C-alpha cells in the first residue's frame, strides 16, 4: 500500500519519491508488515543519459523496517513461489551493456532510522537491529569512498545488546580490477545480564585487498580486542574464484578469562567448570594449504588452554584425494580432557556440536587427567603406516606401544609392533568408545552399561605381534590380558597360511572365578545358575588340513 505522497520528476532529474509505503506479510505469518518505509528517493540526471553517462543523486532511505520470519514448519515469509512451469531463473543478455564506474557518478547513499527483525521459530532464534544509519560518500571514479555505519543490535538468547559503529574507506581501480578496504574499523559496546559489570567494549581493525585480475585476496592486520582477549590474524589467498584456492594464514589468540566468554554466551555451568581450572588461554598457529595440489603444512601449533598444553606439527600431501599422506607429531597433557573437548566443541560448533557432546559424555569419568605423546607417518598411496611412538594416559587408562604397517591399501596388509594398556574401569571405556562410534544404542555402549555392576572392572593387556596376511605368517609370541577378573595368557605362531605347507602352533590359558557375576550382568541368568568359574587350557598344533586341539 502507498499511504503517502508519490513524487515524480522528469527534468533536470528523472526521479521517484515514495512516502509511507508498506508491503503486507505473507499468509500464515504475523500481522506485522514484511516491509515499511517512511521515505525513499532515487533520482538520476536526464541529459547525461544521452551520452551514456549516469549521474545519480544521493539515494535516500528513511524509516525502513524489514520483518523477516521463519515459522515453526521452516517456511519463511520472504521467498515467493515461482510461477508454474518456471524455475525462477532470469535469462541474461550477454550482449547487453550496462553502466561502468568510469562513467558513473553517485551522489552517495543516505540510510537513516532503519530496522531489521529476524524471528526464527524453527531454530528458536531472535535478532533485532534498530537505528541503523549508513552514509556512503559521493562516488566519483578513482576517488576514495568513505563509508560510515551505526546501529543497535540485540539477540534474545543469549540476551545481549550492542551499540555498533563502523567506518572504512574504499579505494578501487575498476580497470585493473583492484579493490581495497583500508582501513576498516569497528567499535561496539556490549551490554546484557551475562556481561560482567553489565557492559564491555569491543574493537576491531583490519584491511582488506582484493585483486580480481590476479585472483587474490588479502586480509591483513586483523586485530580484535574483546572481553579481555586479543586476536591477531592474517590471511593471504590466491585462486579465490576457483574451487581450488590456496591459503596462507596465521593466528594468535590470548586472553585472561576464558570462563568470561562462556558466561556471556549464557553457558553458566560450563563457565563454572572452566573457572575451576586455569582460565587463561593462548593459541598460536600458522598454516599453508593448497586445494589444487592437496598440500597442507602446519609447522607449529601451540595451545595453552584450561591448564592444558598441546604442541604439534602436521604435513599433508594429496589430502584432496583418496590416497592422502600425513606426517607429524603431537604432545599434549592436562588436568581435564572432557572439559577440554567440550570447550573446543563450543568454540567450534556451539552447544550442539559433536565434539561438545563427546566432552559431556566423558564428564562422568573420575580420572580426567590426560597425556599424549605420539609421532605418525601415514601414506595411503604407498600403503604404509608408522607409529614409532605412542605414550598416552586417557581417562585413567594408560596405553603405550609402537606400530608399523605396510600394504594397508590392499586386502593383505602387514602389521608389526607391540601394545600395552591398563586401566581401572573397562566397562566405562566400552561405554565411551561405543558412544563415540554410534551413540547410546551402540552394542558396545550397552554391554559396557550392563557390566557396570561387576565388582572387578580393571583391565590390562600386553601383546607383541607380527601379522603378514600376504605370506600368511602370524607371530604372537606373547599375549597377556586381565579383563574383568579373567586372566588370559598365550602365544601363537602360524606360517604360510596362504600356501599348501602351512603350520600352526600355540597355547592359551583362560581362568576366572567370577563367571557367574559377569553372566548375571549380561542378563544370562540361566547360564549363571550353572556356571561359577572358568578354567580353560588349550594347545594347538598342526596345519589347516590336520589340526590337533587339546
Protein backbone atom coordinates (compact mmCIF):
# COMPACT_ATOMS: atom_id res chain seq x y z
CA UNK A 1 0.00 0.00 0.00
CA UNK A 2 1.08 3.57 -0.70
CA UNK A 3 -0.34 5.78 2.04
CA UNK A 4 1.70 8.93 1.48
CA UNK A 5 2.50 11.22 -1.40
CA UNK A 6 4.07 9.87 -4.58
CA UNK A 7 6.52 12.27 -6.18
CA UNK A 8 7.66 12.06 -9.82
CA UNK A 9 10.12 14.40 -11.55
CA UNK A 10 11.32 14.47 -15.16
CA UNK A 11 13.75 17.35 -15.62
CA UNK A 12 16.51 18.04 -14.84
CA UNK A 13 16.23 14.98 -12.58
CA UNK A 14 14.33 11.85 -13.56
CA UNK A 15 13.25 10.55 -10.19
CA UNK A 16 10.69 9.00 -7.90
CA UNK A 17 9.88 9.72 -4.26
CA UNK A 18 7.77 7.37 -2.11
CA UNK A 19 6.29 8.18 1.29
CA UNK A 20 4.64 5.86 3.79
CA UNK A 21 4.93 2.59 1.83
CA UNK A 22 4.02 -0.84 3.26
CA UNK A 23 4.25 -4.39 1.95
CA UNK A 24 1.96 -6.81 3.80
CA UNK A 25 3.18 -10.04 5.34
CA UNK A 26 2.60 -13.42 3.71
CA UNK A 27 -0.36 -15.56 4.86
CA UNK A 28 0.45 -17.73 7.86
CA UNK A 29 2.75 -15.18 9.48
CA UNK A 30 2.31 -12.30 11.91
CA UNK A 31 0.25 -9.22 11.15
CA UNK A 32 3.42 -7.08 11.09
CA UNK A 33 4.11 -5.92 7.50
CA UNK A 34 7.03 -7.51 5.70
CA UNK A 35 8.36 -4.06 4.79
CA UNK A 36 7.51 -0.47 5.62
CA UNK A 37 9.32 2.69 4.54
CA UNK A 38 8.62 6.25 5.64
CA UNK A 39 10.59 7.81 2.80
CA UNK A 40 12.55 6.62 -0.25
CA UNK A 41 14.05 8.73 -3.04
CA UNK A 42 16.05 7.88 -6.17
CA UNK A 43 16.94 10.47 -8.87
CA UNK A 44 19.14 10.37 -11.98
CA UNK A 45 20.06 13.36 -14.17
CA UNK A 46 18.33 13.19 -17.52
CA UNK A 47 20.66 14.91 -20.02
CA UNK A 48 23.85 12.90 -19.25
CA UNK A 49 21.92 9.76 -20.20
CA UNK A 50 22.08 10.86 -23.82
CA UNK A 51 25.89 10.47 -23.65
CA UNK A 52 25.66 7.11 -21.87
CA UNK A 53 26.72 8.77 -18.61
CA UNK A 54 25.00 8.26 -15.29
CA UNK A 55 24.79 10.95 -12.65
CA UNK A 56 22.70 9.73 -9.75
CA UNK A 57 21.72 11.93 -6.84
CA UNK A 58 22.09 10.72 -3.24
CA UNK A 59 19.91 7.64 -2.70
CA UNK A 60 17.82 8.24 0.41
CA UNK A 61 16.02 5.76 2.63
CA UNK A 62 14.39 6.75 5.91
CA UNK A 63 12.30 4.81 8.38
CA UNK A 64 12.62 1.44 6.64
CA UNK A 65 11.58 -1.59 8.73
CA UNK A 66 12.14 -5.11 7.41
CA UNK A 67 10.43 -8.01 9.20
CA UNK A 68 11.82 -11.47 8.39
CA UNK A 69 10.12 -14.50 9.91
CA UNK A 70 10.59 -18.27 9.84
CA UNK A 71 7.59 -20.28 11.03
CA UNK A 72 7.76 -23.42 13.13
CA UNK A 73 7.49 -25.56 10.00
CA UNK A 74 10.61 -23.97 8.46
CA UNK A 75 8.75 -21.81 5.91
CA UNK A 76 9.84 -18.17 5.63
CA UNK A 77 7.97 -15.04 4.65
CA UNK A 78 10.35 -13.65 2.04
CA UNK A 79 10.62 -16.47 -0.52
CA UNK A 80 7.98 -16.24 -3.21
CA UNK A 81 6.98 -19.41 -5.08
CA UNK A 82 7.99 -19.50 -8.75
CA UNK A 83 5.32 -19.29 -11.34
CA UNK A 84 4.16 -22.73 -12.55
CA UNK A 85 6.50 -24.16 -15.13
CA UNK A 86 9.40 -21.83 -14.34
CA UNK A 87 12.45 -22.26 -12.17
CA UNK A 88 12.72 -18.62 -11.16
CA UNK A 89 15.82 -18.05 -13.26
CA UNK A 90 16.20 -14.85 -15.22
CA UNK A 91 17.85 -15.01 -18.61
CA UNK A 92 20.84 -12.73 -19.06
CA UNK A 93 21.60 -10.97 -22.27
CA UNK A 94 25.34 -11.41 -22.68
CA UNK A 95 25.42 -8.76 -25.41
CA UNK A 96 23.84 -6.07 -23.26
CA UNK A 97 25.95 -3.33 -21.77
CA UNK A 98 25.42 -1.52 -18.52
CA UNK A 99 26.86 1.35 -16.60
CA UNK A 100 30.55 1.16 -15.72
CA UNK A 101 32.09 3.02 -12.82
CA UNK A 102 34.17 5.30 -15.01
CA UNK A 103 31.03 6.92 -16.41
CA UNK A 104 29.02 6.76 -13.19
CA UNK A 105 28.66 9.47 -10.56
CA UNK A 106 26.70 8.65 -7.43
CA UNK A 107 25.92 11.42 -5.02
CA UNK A 108 26.05 8.94 -2.17
CA UNK A 109 23.80 6.76 -0.06
CA UNK A 110 21.96 8.07 2.99
CA UNK A 111 20.10 5.44 5.06
CA UNK A 112 18.58 6.54 8.34
CA UNK A 113 16.38 5.09 11.11
CA UNK A 114 16.26 1.64 9.54
CA UNK A 115 15.42 -1.52 11.46
CA UNK A 116 15.55 -5.26 10.83
CA UNK A 117 13.80 -8.01 12.78
CA UNK A 118 14.61 -11.71 12.29
CA UNK A 119 12.43 -14.15 14.20
CA UNK A 120 13.08 -17.86 13.59
CA UNK A 121 10.63 -20.07 15.46
CA UNK A 122 12.02 -23.15 13.71
CA UNK A 123 15.55 -22.63 15.12
CA UNK A 124 14.34 -20.69 18.20
CA UNK A 125 16.45 -17.62 17.46
CA UNK A 126 15.54 -13.94 17.54
CA UNK A 127 17.65 -10.96 16.43
CA UNK A 128 16.86 -7.28 16.06
CA UNK A 129 18.64 -4.27 14.54
CA UNK A 130 17.38 -0.76 15.27
CA UNK A 131 18.52 2.76 14.44
CA UNK A 132 20.60 1.58 11.51
CA UNK A 133 22.22 4.57 9.84
CA UNK A 134 24.62 4.29 6.91
CA UNK A 135 26.23 7.04 4.90
CA UNK A 136 28.34 6.44 1.79
CA UNK A 137 30.17 9.42 0.35
CA UNK A 138 29.97 10.66 -3.21
CA UNK A 139 31.11 8.08 -5.74
CA UNK A 140 33.44 9.67 -8.26
CA UNK A 141 35.55 7.28 -10.31
CA UNK A 142 39.07 6.97 -8.98
CA UNK A 143 38.40 8.82 -5.72
CA UNK A 144 38.37 7.18 -2.26
CA UNK A 145 34.92 6.32 -0.98
CA UNK A 146 34.15 6.83 2.72
CA UNK A 147 31.58 4.63 4.46
CA UNK A 148 30.13 5.00 7.97
CA UNK A 149 27.56 2.80 9.69
CA UNK A 150 25.97 2.72 13.12
CA UNK A 151 23.26 0.55 14.66
CA UNK A 152 21.83 -1.00 17.80
CA UNK A 153 21.69 -4.81 17.69
CA UNK A 154 20.13 -7.31 20.08
CA UNK A 155 19.75 -11.07 20.47
CA UNK A 156 17.29 -12.90 22.68
CA UNK A 157 19.42 -15.94 23.55
CA UNK A 158 21.89 -15.07 24.86
CA UNK A 159 20.31 -11.80 26.00
CA UNK A 160 22.78 -9.28 24.59
CA UNK A 161 22.62 -5.75 23.20
CA UNK A 162 25.30 -3.97 21.17
CA UNK A 163 25.78 -0.37 20.05
CA UNK A 164 27.96 -0.63 16.95
CA UNK A 165 29.78 1.97 14.86
CA UNK A 166 31.81 1.13 11.74
CA UNK A 167 33.86 3.25 9.38
CA UNK A 168 36.02 2.48 6.39
CA UNK A 169 37.49 3.81 3.17
CA UNK A 170 37.23 2.02 -0.16
CA UNK A 171 39.83 2.60 -2.88
CA UNK A 172 39.11 0.99 -6.23
CA UNK A 173 40.63 0.63 -9.67
CA UNK A 174 37.98 -0.84 -11.91
CA UNK A 175 40.21 -1.00 -15.00
CA UNK A 176 42.71 -3.22 -13.14
CA UNK A 177 40.00 -4.92 -11.02
CA UNK A 178 41.57 -3.99 -7.71
CA UNK A 179 39.54 -3.05 -4.64
CA UNK A 180 40.92 -2.08 -1.21
CA UNK A 181 39.04 -1.52 2.03
CA UNK A 182 41.62 0.18 4.19
CA UNK A 183 41.11 0.84 6.98
CA UNK A 184 38.04 -0.92 8.34
CA UNK A 185 37.34 -0.02 11.98
CA UNK A 186 34.56 -1.24 14.22
CA UNK A 187 33.75 -0.39 17.82
CA UNK A 188 30.91 -1.79 19.90
CA UNK A 189 29.57 -1.52 23.41
CA UNK A 190 28.09 -4.84 24.55
CA UNK A 191 25.55 -4.95 27.39
CA UNK A 192 23.46 -7.69 28.95
CA UNK A 193 22.80 -9.61 32.17
CA UNK A 194 25.65 -12.07 31.45
CA UNK A 195 28.23 -9.34 30.75
CA UNK A 196 30.44 -8.60 33.78
CA UNK A 197 29.75 -5.14 35.21
CA UNK A 198 26.90 -5.01 32.69
CA UNK A 199 28.97 -3.54 29.85
CA UNK A 200 32.16 -4.17 27.87
CA UNK A 201 33.91 -2.66 24.87
CA UNK A 202 34.86 -4.41 21.61
CA UNK A 203 37.17 -3.05 18.92
CA UNK A 204 38.18 -4.45 15.54
CA UNK A 205 40.50 -3.14 12.86
CA UNK A 206 41.69 -4.68 9.62
CA UNK A 207 42.44 -4.06 5.97
CA UNK A 208 41.07 -5.98 3.00
CA UNK A 209 42.53 -6.04 -0.51
CA UNK A 210 41.07 -7.90 -3.50
CA UNK A 211 42.78 -8.14 -6.88
CA UNK A 212 40.28 -9.81 -9.19
CA UNK A 213 42.65 -9.76 -12.13
CA UNK A 214 45.32 -11.62 -10.15
CA UNK A 215 42.56 -13.63 -8.38
CA UNK A 216 43.94 -12.87 -4.92
CA UNK A 217 42.54 -11.74 -1.59
CA UNK A 218 44.42 -10.35 1.38
CA UNK A 219 43.13 -9.81 4.91
CA UNK A 220 45.95 -8.18 6.82
CA UNK A 221 46.45 -6.74 10.26
CA UNK A 222 43.23 -8.13 11.69
CA UNK A 223 43.13 -7.08 15.35
CA UNK A 224 40.19 -7.85 17.64
CA UNK A 225 40.01 -6.90 21.32
CA UNK A 226 37.04 -8.03 23.40
CA UNK A 227 36.27 -9.46 26.85
CA UNK A 228 39.89 -9.18 27.97
CA UNK A 229 41.01 -11.23 24.96
CA UNK A 230 43.07 -10.34 21.91
CA UNK A 231 43.03 -11.88 18.45
CA UNK A 232 45.54 -11.16 15.69
CA UNK A 233 45.32 -12.84 12.29
CA UNK A 234 46.24 -12.51 8.65
CA UNK A 235 45.12 -14.38 5.54
CA UNK A 236 46.56 -14.43 2.04
CA UNK A 237 44.56 -16.32 -0.59
CA UNK A 238 45.01 -16.95 -4.29
CA UNK A 239 42.78 -18.53 -6.96
CA UNK A 240 39.83 -17.28 -4.93
CA UNK A 241 37.39 -17.57 -7.84
CA UNK A 242 38.13 -21.27 -8.32
CA UNK A 243 37.21 -24.42 -6.42
CA UNK A 244 40.89 -24.98 -5.59
CA UNK A 245 42.18 -21.87 -3.78
CA UNK A 246 45.47 -21.63 -1.91
CA UNK A 247 45.63 -20.05 1.55
CA UNK A 248 48.37 -18.91 3.91
CA UNK A 249 47.20 -17.84 7.36
CA UNK A 250 48.48 -17.07 10.84
CA UNK A 251 46.54 -16.82 14.09
CA UNK A 252 47.27 -15.69 17.64
CA UNK A 253 44.58 -15.64 20.34
CA UNK A 254 45.14 -15.00 24.02
CA UNK A 255 43.13 -13.86 26.98
CA UNK A 256 42.93 -13.78 30.75
CA UNK A 257 39.48 -15.29 31.38
CA UNK A 258 38.04 -17.98 29.11
CA UNK A 259 35.16 -18.51 31.55
CA UNK A 260 34.01 -14.96 30.86
CA UNK A 261 33.32 -15.81 27.20
CA UNK A 262 31.01 -18.67 28.18
CA UNK A 263 29.20 -16.58 30.80
CA UNK A 264 28.45 -14.02 28.11
CA UNK A 265 27.17 -16.84 25.86
CA UNK A 266 24.82 -17.86 28.70
CA UNK A 267 26.67 -21.13 29.38
CA UNK A 268 26.79 -20.75 33.14
CA UNK A 269 27.58 -24.38 34.01
CA UNK A 270 30.43 -24.59 31.52
CA UNK A 271 31.77 -21.23 32.74
CA UNK A 272 31.75 -22.51 36.32
CA UNK A 273 33.75 -25.62 35.38
CA UNK A 274 36.22 -23.57 33.33
CA UNK A 275 36.71 -21.22 36.28
CA UNK A 276 37.81 -24.18 38.44
CA UNK A 277 40.91 -24.51 36.23
CA UNK A 278 43.41 -22.01 34.82
CA UNK A 279 41.16 -19.69 32.83
CA UNK A 280 43.99 -18.03 30.89
CA UNK A 281 44.48 -19.18 27.29
CA UNK A 282 46.96 -18.72 24.46
CA UNK A 283 46.66 -20.25 20.96
CA UNK A 284 49.22 -19.75 18.19
CA UNK A 285 49.37 -21.37 14.78
CA UNK A 286 50.19 -20.82 11.12
CA UNK A 287 49.44 -22.89 8.05
CA UNK A 288 49.60 -23.01 4.28
CA UNK A 289 47.12 -25.07 2.27
CA UNK A 290 46.62 -25.59 -1.46
CA UNK A 291 43.45 -27.33 -2.60
CA UNK A 292 44.84 -27.77 -6.13
CA UNK A 293 47.93 -29.73 -5.11
CA UNK A 294 46.36 -31.12 -1.95
CA UNK A 295 49.20 -29.97 0.30
CA UNK A 296 48.96 -28.64 3.85
CA UNK A 297 51.73 -27.50 6.14
CA UNK A 298 51.21 -26.55 9.77
CA UNK A 299 54.78 -26.16 11.06
CA UNK A 300 53.75 -25.31 14.60
CA UNK A 301 50.64 -25.46 16.74
CA UNK A 302 50.82 -24.21 20.32
CA UNK A 303 47.78 -24.28 22.59
CA UNK A 304 47.62 -23.40 26.28
CA UNK A 305 44.06 -23.86 27.45
CA UNK A 306 42.44 -24.82 30.79
CA UNK A 307 45.81 -25.65 32.28
CA UNK A 308 46.49 -27.99 29.35
CA UNK A 309 49.12 -27.73 26.64
CA UNK A 310 49.05 -29.02 23.07
CA UNK A 311 52.05 -28.74 20.79
CA UNK A 312 52.50 -30.30 17.40
CA UNK A 313 53.06 -30.08 13.68
CA UNK A 314 51.38 -31.63 10.63
CA UNK A 315 52.31 -32.02 6.99
CA UNK A 316 49.88 -33.45 4.46
CA UNK A 317 50.01 -34.32 0.79
CA UNK A 318 47.20 -35.27 -1.57
CA UNK A 319 44.58 -34.57 1.11
CA UNK A 320 42.17 -33.81 -1.74
CA UNK A 321 42.40 -37.41 -2.99
CA UNK A 322 41.57 -40.90 -1.72
CA UNK A 323 45.28 -41.58 -1.09
CA UNK A 324 46.50 -38.81 1.23
CA UNK A 325 49.70 -38.78 3.25
CA UNK A 326 50.01 -37.34 6.76
CA UNK A 327 53.11 -36.87 8.86
CA UNK A 328 53.54 -35.10 12.16
CA UNK A 329 53.83 -35.22 15.92
CA UNK A 330 51.65 -34.26 18.86
CA UNK A 331 52.46 -33.73 22.54
CA UNK A 332 49.59 -32.88 24.85
CA UNK A 333 48.67 -33.01 28.52
CA UNK A 334 46.29 -31.50 31.01
CA UNK A 335 44.03 -31.97 34.05
CA UNK A 336 40.61 -32.39 32.37
CA UNK A 337 40.19 -33.99 28.92
CA UNK A 338 36.34 -33.99 28.86
CA UNK A 339 36.21 -30.28 29.68
CA UNK A 340 38.87 -29.57 27.04
CA UNK A 341 36.80 -31.38 24.36
CA UNK A 342 33.60 -29.61 25.40
CA UNK A 343 35.23 -26.15 25.31
CA UNK A 344 36.82 -26.75 21.89
CA UNK A 345 33.49 -28.08 20.64
CA UNK A 346 31.65 -25.00 21.91
CA UNK A 347 34.15 -22.69 20.19
CA UNK A 348 33.97 -24.77 17.01
CA UNK A 349 30.30 -25.67 16.57
CA UNK A 350 28.25 -24.41 19.51
CA UNK A 351 26.41 -26.31 22.23
CA UNK A 352 25.03 -28.91 19.80
CA UNK A 353 28.38 -29.74 18.19
CA UNK A 354 29.57 -33.34 18.05
CA UNK A 355 32.79 -32.64 19.94
CA UNK A 356 30.80 -30.77 22.61
CA UNK A 357 28.62 -33.83 23.16
CA UNK A 358 31.65 -36.12 23.37
CA UNK A 359 33.05 -33.96 26.18
CA UNK A 360 29.75 -34.09 28.05
CA UNK A 361 29.54 -37.88 27.67
CA UNK A 362 33.04 -38.27 29.15
CA UNK A 363 32.43 -35.90 32.06
CA UNK A 364 31.41 -38.75 34.39
CA UNK A 365 34.90 -40.29 34.21
CA UNK A 366 36.51 -39.96 37.67
CA UNK A 367 40.09 -39.59 36.37
CA UNK A 368 40.09 -36.79 33.78
CA UNK A 369 43.86 -36.22 33.52
CA UNK A 370 45.31 -36.85 30.07
CA UNK A 371 48.71 -37.09 28.45
CA UNK A 372 49.58 -37.92 24.85
CA UNK A 373 52.88 -38.17 23.03
CA UNK A 374 52.95 -39.62 19.54
CA UNK A 375 54.52 -39.42 16.10
CA UNK A 376 52.78 -40.58 12.94
CA UNK A 377 53.57 -41.09 9.27
CA UNK A 378 50.80 -42.47 7.05
CA UNK A 379 50.80 -42.74 3.27
CA UNK A 380 47.71 -44.33 1.73
CA UNK A 381 49.27 -44.20 -1.74
CA UNK A 382 52.24 -46.33 -0.69
CA UNK A 383 50.09 -48.21 1.82
CA UNK A 384 52.41 -47.53 4.75
CA UNK A 385 51.77 -46.51 8.35
CA UNK A 386 54.32 -45.78 11.04
CA UNK A 387 53.54 -45.01 14.66
CA UNK A 388 57.03 -45.17 16.20
CA UNK A 389 55.95 -43.65 19.48
CA UNK A 390 52.68 -43.83 21.39
CA UNK A 391 52.52 -42.88 25.06
CA UNK A 392 49.14 -41.88 26.40
CA UNK A 393 47.15 -41.61 29.58
CA UNK A 394 43.47 -41.10 28.82
CA UNK A 395 40.52 -41.29 31.23
CA UNK A 396 42.50 -43.27 33.80
CA UNK A 397 43.87 -45.74 31.25
CA UNK A 398 47.49 -45.96 30.05
CA UNK A 399 48.30 -47.04 26.50
CA UNK A 400 51.84 -47.41 25.14
CA UNK A 401 53.30 -49.06 22.09
CA UNK A 402 54.50 -48.76 18.54
CA UNK A 403 53.07 -49.96 15.23
CA UNK A 404 54.45 -50.28 11.71
CA UNK A 405 52.28 -51.36 8.79
CA UNK A 406 52.61 -51.87 5.07
CA UNK A 407 50.17 -52.64 2.25
CA UNK A 408 47.32 -51.11 4.26
CA UNK A 409 45.74 -50.08 0.95
CA UNK A 410 45.32 -53.75 -0.01
CA UNK A 411 43.47 -56.83 1.29
CA UNK A 412 46.76 -58.32 2.50
CA UNK A 413 48.36 -55.80 4.88
CA UNK A 414 51.15 -56.43 7.36
CA UNK A 415 51.14 -55.14 10.93
CA UNK A 416 54.05 -55.35 13.35
CA UNK A 417 54.53 -53.86 16.79
CA UNK A 418 53.54 -54.06 20.43
CA UNK A 419 50.78 -52.59 22.56
CA UNK A 420 50.28 -52.34 26.29
CA UNK A 421 47.17 -50.98 28.01
CA UNK A 422 45.80 -50.91 31.52
CA UNK A 423 43.10 -49.10 33.38
CA UNK A 424 40.70 -49.22 36.34
CA UNK A 425 37.35 -49.42 34.51
CA UNK A 426 36.88 -51.47 31.32
CA UNK A 427 33.05 -51.16 31.21
CA UNK A 428 33.31 -47.37 31.28
CA UNK A 429 35.84 -47.45 28.43
CA UNK A 430 33.45 -49.70 26.47
CA UNK A 431 30.64 -47.21 27.02
CA UNK A 432 32.72 -44.25 25.90
CA UNK A 433 34.08 -45.97 22.79
CA UNK A 434 30.60 -47.20 21.88
CA UNK A 435 29.16 -43.72 22.42
CA UNK A 436 31.77 -42.19 20.15
CA UNK A 437 31.15 -44.82 17.48
CA UNK A 438 27.36 -44.99 17.28
CA UNK A 439 25.73 -43.22 20.21
CA UNK A 440 23.67 -44.56 23.09
CA UNK A 441 22.32 -47.51 21.10
CA UNK A 442 25.74 -48.90 20.15
CA UNK A 443 26.10 -52.56 21.27
CA UNK A 444 29.47 -51.81 22.88
CA UNK A 445 27.85 -48.98 24.85
CA UNK A 446 25.05 -51.26 26.04
CA UNK A 447 27.40 -54.08 27.08
CA UNK A 448 29.52 -51.60 28.98
CA UNK A 449 26.45 -50.27 30.76
CA UNK A 450 25.43 -53.83 31.77
CA UNK A 451 28.92 -54.69 33.04
CA UNK A 452 28.99 -51.66 35.37
CA UNK A 453 27.70 -53.93 38.17
CA UNK A 454 30.76 -56.24 38.01
CA UNK A 455 32.94 -55.86 41.10
CA UNK A 456 36.32 -56.16 39.31
CA UNK A 457 36.31 -53.64 36.45
CA UNK A 458 40.06 -53.30 35.98
CA UNK A 459 41.86 -54.47 32.86
CA UNK A 460 45.35 -54.89 31.47
CA UNK A 461 46.63 -56.03 28.10
CA UNK A 462 50.06 -56.67 26.62
CA UNK A 463 50.94 -58.19 23.26
CA UNK A 464 53.72 -58.36 20.68
CA UNK A 465 52.54 -59.09 17.16
CA UNK A 466 53.73 -59.53 13.57
CA UNK A 467 50.99 -60.44 11.11
CA UNK A 468 51.55 -60.61 7.34
CA UNK A 469 48.33 -61.51 5.53
CA UNK A 470 50.12 -61.76 2.20
CA UNK A 471 52.50 -64.54 3.21
CA UNK A 472 50.17 -65.92 5.85
CA UNK A 473 52.73 -65.56 8.64
CA UNK A 474 51.37 -64.61 12.08
CA UNK A 475 53.51 -64.38 15.17
CA UNK A 476 52.02 -63.62 18.55
CA UNK A 477 54.90 -64.54 20.88
CA UNK A 478 53.26 -63.10 24.00
CA UNK A 479 49.69 -62.28 24.91
CA UNK A 480 48.82 -61.37 28.48
CA UNK A 481 45.44 -59.94 29.43
CA UNK A 482 43.41 -59.43 32.59
CA UNK A 483 39.83 -58.46 31.81
CA UNK A 484 37.07 -58.19 34.44
CA UNK A 485 38.89 -60.69 36.63
CA UNK A 486 39.61 -63.18 33.83
CA UNK A 487 43.27 -63.93 33.12
CA UNK A 488 44.29 -64.80 29.55
CA UNK A 489 47.83 -65.89 28.59
CA UNK A 490 49.12 -67.45 25.43
CA UNK A 491 51.12 -67.43 22.25
CA UNK A 492 50.55 -68.29 18.59
CA UNK A 493 52.89 -68.99 15.70
CA UNK A 494 51.49 -69.55 12.20
CA UNK A 495 53.35 -69.68 8.90
CA UNK A 496 52.44 -69.91 5.23
CA UNK A 497 48.69 -69.81 5.87
CA UNK A 498 48.15 -68.74 2.27
CA UNK A 499 50.11 -71.73 0.91
CA UNK A 500 49.94 -75.51 0.88
CA UNK A 501 52.52 -76.16 3.60
CA UNK A 502 51.08 -74.11 6.43
CA UNK A 503 51.79 -74.72 10.10
CA UNK A 504 50.14 -73.54 13.30
CA UNK A 505 51.27 -73.97 16.90
CA UNK A 506 50.15 -72.21 20.07
CA UNK A 507 48.71 -72.43 23.53
CA UNK A 508 46.26 -70.36 25.59
CA UNK A 509 45.02 -70.39 29.17
CA UNK A 510 41.90 -68.59 30.39
CA UNK A 511 40.92 -68.57 34.06
CA UNK A 512 38.37 -66.70 36.12
CA UNK A 513 36.27 -67.23 39.25
CA UNK A 514 33.62 -64.56 38.62
CA UNK A 515 31.88 -66.05 35.59
CA UNK A 516 28.53 -66.10 37.37
CA UNK A 517 28.78 -62.38 38.16
CA UNK A 518 29.61 -61.49 34.54
CA UNK A 519 26.82 -63.68 33.10
CA UNK A 520 24.31 -62.15 35.52
CA UNK A 521 25.35 -58.65 34.47
CA UNK A 522 24.83 -59.61 30.83
CA UNK A 523 21.26 -60.87 31.58
CA UNK A 524 22.25 -64.52 31.12
CA UNK A 525 20.50 -65.75 34.27
CA UNK A 526 20.10 -69.37 33.14
CA UNK A 527 23.80 -69.79 32.41
CA UNK A 528 24.68 -68.00 35.65
CA UNK A 529 22.80 -70.69 37.60
CA UNK A 530 25.16 -73.43 36.44
CA UNK A 531 28.45 -71.61 35.71
CA UNK A 532 30.53 -70.18 38.54
CA UNK A 533 34.06 -70.19 37.19
CA UNK A 534 36.11 -70.89 34.08
CA UNK A 535 39.41 -72.77 33.79
CA UNK A 536 40.49 -73.46 30.21
CA UNK A 537 43.81 -74.71 28.79
CA UNK A 538 44.13 -75.03 25.01
CA UNK A 539 47.04 -76.30 22.93
CA UNK A 540 47.10 -76.05 19.11
CA UNK A 541 49.40 -78.00 16.79
CA UNK A 542 49.12 -78.86 13.10
CA UNK A 543 48.01 -77.22 9.89
CA UNK A 544 44.78 -76.17 8.24
CA UNK A 545 44.05 -79.70 6.97
CA UNK A 546 45.23 -81.64 10.05
CA UNK A 547 44.77 -79.69 13.27
CA UNK A 548 45.21 -81.15 16.79
CA UNK A 549 43.49 -79.18 19.56
CA UNK A 550 43.74 -80.41 23.14
